[in-house]
Amino acid sequence: MQQVPAVQIDGITLSQSLSPMMLLSWLMPLCLSALEPIWKETAGKYCVGDEISMADICLIPQVYNAELDVDQFPTIKRLNQTLLKVDAFKESHPSCQLDTPAEICT
């Protein structure tokens, strides 16, 4: 059985549309709000101490795609800025992918 992304709200299923993505963009500030106090406690140089972890690998694309001002999340902002100085993160940044339109490449 093939499956497609879908969101069900009040008994209505929304699938194969932008609605699931719109819902995710609405949830992103909530997710970052939940992560901020956790990473405030666990962060060293990176999300969990001073070694790069899976949390760091996931952070960059999430902040990039959130399209919101991260100033309200000072720990996440600091972590993101720190990670963007690491060569591997610079090279794999979403704006550096081969299929990224030239007008948005950084």
C-alpha atoms as a PDB file:
ATOM      1  CA  MET A   1       0.000   0.000   0.000  1.00  0.00           C
ATOM      2  CA  GLN A   2       1.366   3.413  -0.946  1.00  0.00           C
ATOM      3  CA  GLN A   3       0.958   6.248   1.508  1.00  0.00           C
ATOM      4  CA  VAL A   4       1.002  10.016   1.159  1.00  0.00           C
ATOM      5  CA  PRO A   5       1.529  12.669   3.823  1.00  0.00           C
ATOM      6  CA  ALA A   6      -1.777  13.736   5.314  1.00  0.00           C
ATOM      7  CA  VAL A   7      -3.115  15.730   8.215  1.00  0.00           C
ATOM      8  CA  GLN A   8      -6.457  15.036   9.832  1.00  0.00           C
ATOM      9  CA  ILE A   9      -8.217  17.932  11.553  1.00  0.00           C
ATOM     10  CA  ASP A  10     -11.765  17.667  12.913  1.00  0.00           C
ATOM     11  CA  GLY A  11     -12.404  14.563  10.856  1.00  0.00           C
ATOM     12  CA  ILE A  12     -11.265  16.165   7.587  1.00  0.00           C
ATOM     13  CA  THR A  13      -8.203  14.613   5.945  1.00  0.00           C
ATOM     14  CA  LEU A  14      -5.956  16.977   4.020  1.00  0.00           C
ATOM     15  CA  SER A  15      -3.511  15.204   1.738  1.00  0.00           C
ATOM     16  CA  GLN A  16      -1.359  15.920  -1.287  1.00  0.00           C
ATOM     17  CA  SER A  17      -1.590  19.624  -0.699  1.00  0.00           C
ATOM     18  CA  LEU A  18       0.328  22.408   0.943  1.00  0.00           C
ATOM     19  CA  SER A  19      -1.859  22.109   4.033  1.00  0.00           C
ATOM     20  CA  PRO A  20       0.411  19.595   5.823  1.00  0.00           C
ATOM     21  CA  MET A  21       3.405  21.838   5.114  1.00  0.00           C
ATOM     22  CA  MET A  22       1.495  24.904   6.289  1.00  0.00           C
ATOM     23  CA  LEU A  23       0.661  23.082   9.511  1.00  0.00           C
ATOM     24  CA  LEU A  24       4.307  22.149  10.015  1.00  0.00           C
ATOM     25  CA  SER A  25       5.393  25.765   9.506  1.00  0.00           C
ATOM     26  CA  TRP A  26       2.854  26.790  12.147  1.00  0.00           C
ATOM     27  CA  LEU A  27       4.224  24.182  14.533  1.00  0.00           C
ATOM     28  CA  MET A  28       7.892  25.128  14.073  1.00  0.00           C
ATOM     29  CA  PRO A  29       7.838  28.042  16.568  1.00  0.00           C
ATOM     30  CA  LEU A  30       6.229  25.705  19.093  1.00  0.00           C
ATOM     31  CA  CYS A  31       8.929  23.095  18.528  1.00  0.00           C
ATOM     32  CA  LEU A  32      11.710  25.647  18.879  1.00  0.00           C
ATOM     33  CA  SER A  33      10.023  27.010  22.006  1.00  0.00           C
ATOM     34  CA  ALA A  34      10.097  23.503  23.470  1.00  0.00           C
ATOM     35  CA  LEU A  35      13.742  22.920  22.499  1.00  0.00           C
ATOM     36  CA  GLU A  36      15.095  26.276  23.722  1.00  0.00           C
ATOM     37  CA  PRO A  37      14.906  25.516  27.485  1.00  0.00           C
ATOM     38  CA  ILE A  38      16.205  21.976  26.950  1.00  0.00           C
ATOM     39  CA  TRP A  39      19.228  23.116  24.968  1.00  0.00           C
ATOM     40  CA  LYS A  40      19.806  25.972  27.388  1.00  0.00           C
ATOM     41  CA  GLU A  41      20.522  23.231  29.954  1.00  0.00           C
ATOM     42  CA  THR A  42      22.320  20.673  27.748  1.00  0.00           C
ATOM     43  CA  ALA A  43      24.294  22.850  25.344  1.00  0.00           C
ATOM     44  CA  GLY A  44      27.995  23.318  25.470  1.00  0.00           C
ATOM     45  CA  LYS A  45      29.583  24.393  22.243  1.00  0.00           C
ATOM     46  CA  TYR A  46      26.909  22.331  20.461  1.00  0.00           C
ATOM     47  CA  CYS A  47      23.366  21.160  21.274  1.00  0.00           C
ATOM     48  CA  VAL A  48      24.428  18.425  23.689  1.00  0.00           C
ATOM     49  CA  GLY A  49      27.827  19.233  25.108  1.00  0.00           C
ATOM     50  CA  ASP A  50      30.943  19.904  23.081  1.00  0.00           C
ATOM     51  CA  GLU A  51      30.664  17.162  20.461  1.00  0.00           C
ATOM     52  CA  ILE A  52      28.486  17.350  17.350  1.00  0.00           C
ATOM     53  CA  SER A  53      25.445  15.107  17.676  1.00  0.00           C
ATOM     54  CA  MET A  54      22.371  14.180  15.667  1.00  0.00           C
ATOM     55  CA  ALA A  55      20.602  17.150  17.294  1.00  0.00           C
ATOM     56  CA  ASP A  56      23.120  19.495  15.660  1.00  0.00           C
ATOM     57  CA  ILE A  57      22.756  17.800  12.291  1.00  0.00           C
ATOM     58  CA  CYS A  58      18.990  18.314  12.437  1.00  0.00           C
ATOM     59  CA  LEU A  59      19.120  21.880  13.737  1.00  0.00           C
ATOM     60  CA  ILE A  60      20.499  23.685  10.668  1.00  0.00           C
ATOM     61  CA  PRO A  61      17.769  22.647   8.178  1.00  0.00           C
ATOM     62  CA  GLN A  62      15.042  23.189  10.769  1.00  0.00           C
ATOM     63  CA  VAL A  63      16.149  26.754  11.490  1.00  0.00           C
ATOM     64  CA  TYR A  64      16.641  27.404   7.768  1.00  0.00           C
ATOM     65  CA  ASN A  65      13.161  26.136   6.896  1.00  0.00           C
ATOM     66  CA  ALA A  66      11.442  27.753   9.880  1.00  0.00           C
ATOM     67  CA  GLU A  67      11.598  31.140   8.178  1.00  0.00           C
ATOM     68  CA  LEU A  68      11.227  32.983  11.471  1.00  0.00           C
ATOM     69  CA  ASP A  69      13.295  35.327  13.572  1.00  0.00           C
ATOM     70  CA  VAL A  70      15.386  33.146  15.887  1.00  0.00           C
ATOM     71  CA  ASP A  71      16.289  36.108  18.114  1.00  0.00           C
ATOM     72  CA  GLN A  72      13.505  34.927  20.431  1.00  0.00           C
ATOM     73  CA  PHE A  73      15.464  31.676  20.898  1.00  0.00           C
ATOM     74  CA  PRO A  74      18.936  32.849  22.015  1.00  0.00           C
ATOM     75  CA  THR A  75      20.367  29.379  22.649  1.00  0.00           C
ATOM     76  CA  ILE A  76      19.153  28.062  19.296  1.00  0.00           C
ATOM     77  CA  LYS A  77      20.461  31.195  17.576  1.00  0.00           C
ATOM     78  CA  ARG A  78      23.904  30.746  19.174  1.00  0.00           C
ATOM     79  CA  LEU A  79      24.020  27.043  18.309  1.00  0.00           C
ATOM     80  CA  ASN A  80      22.965  27.716  14.721  1.00  0.00           C
ATOM     81  CA  GLN A  81      25.617  30.423  14.308  1.00  0.00           C
ATOM     82  CA  THR A  82      28.289  28.165  15.820  1.00  0.00           C
ATOM     83  CA  LEU A  83      27.372  25.257  13.560  1.00  0.00           C
ATOM     84  CA  LEU A  84      27.401  27.449  10.456  1.00  0.00           C
ATOM     85  CA  LYS A  85      31.133  28.014  11.064  1.00  0.00           C
ATOM     86  CA  VAL A  86      31.864  24.276  10.763  1.00  0.00           C
ATOM     87  CA  ASP A  87      32.985  23.389   7.210  1.00  0.00           C
ATOM     88  CA  ALA A  88      30.775  20.299   6.965  1.00  0.00           C
ATOM     89  CA  PHE A  89      27.704  22.367   7.858  1.00  0.00           C
ATOM     90  CA  LYS A  90      28.657  25.161   5.454  1.00  0.00           C
ATOM     91  CA  GLU A  91      29.073  22.685   2.612  1.00  0.00           C
ATOM     92  CA  SER A  92      25.826  20.827   3.312  1.00  0.00           C
ATOM     93  CA  HIS A  93      23.679  23.876   4.067  1.00  0.00           C
ATOM     94  CA  PRO A  94      20.280  23.824   2.301  1.00  0.00           C
ATOM     95  CA  SER A  95      21.216  26.951   0.344  1.00  0.00           C
ATOM     96  CA  CYS A  96      24.293  25.178  -1.082  1.00  0.00           C
ATOM     97  CA  GLN A  97      22.617  22.178  -2.689  1.00  0.00           C
ATOM     98  CA  LEU A  98      23.066  21.548  -6.421  1.00  0.00           C
ATOM     99  CA  ASP A  99      19.382  22.133  -7.163  1.00  0.00           C
ATOM    100  CA  THR A 100      19.151  25.404  -5.226  1.00  0.00           C
ATOM    101  CA  PRO A 101      18.100  28.279  -7.503  1.00  0.00           C
ATOM    102  CA  ALA A 102      21.000  30.688  -8.065  1.00  0.00           C
ATOM    103  CA  GLU A 103      19.053  33.676  -6.721  1.00  0.00           C
ATOM    104  CA  ILE A 104      18.845  32.168  -3.215  1.00  0.00           C
ATOM    105  CA  CYS A 105      22.290  30.578  -2.947  1.00  0.00           C
ATOM    106  CA  THR A 106      24.424  32.026  -0.196  1.00  0.00           C
END
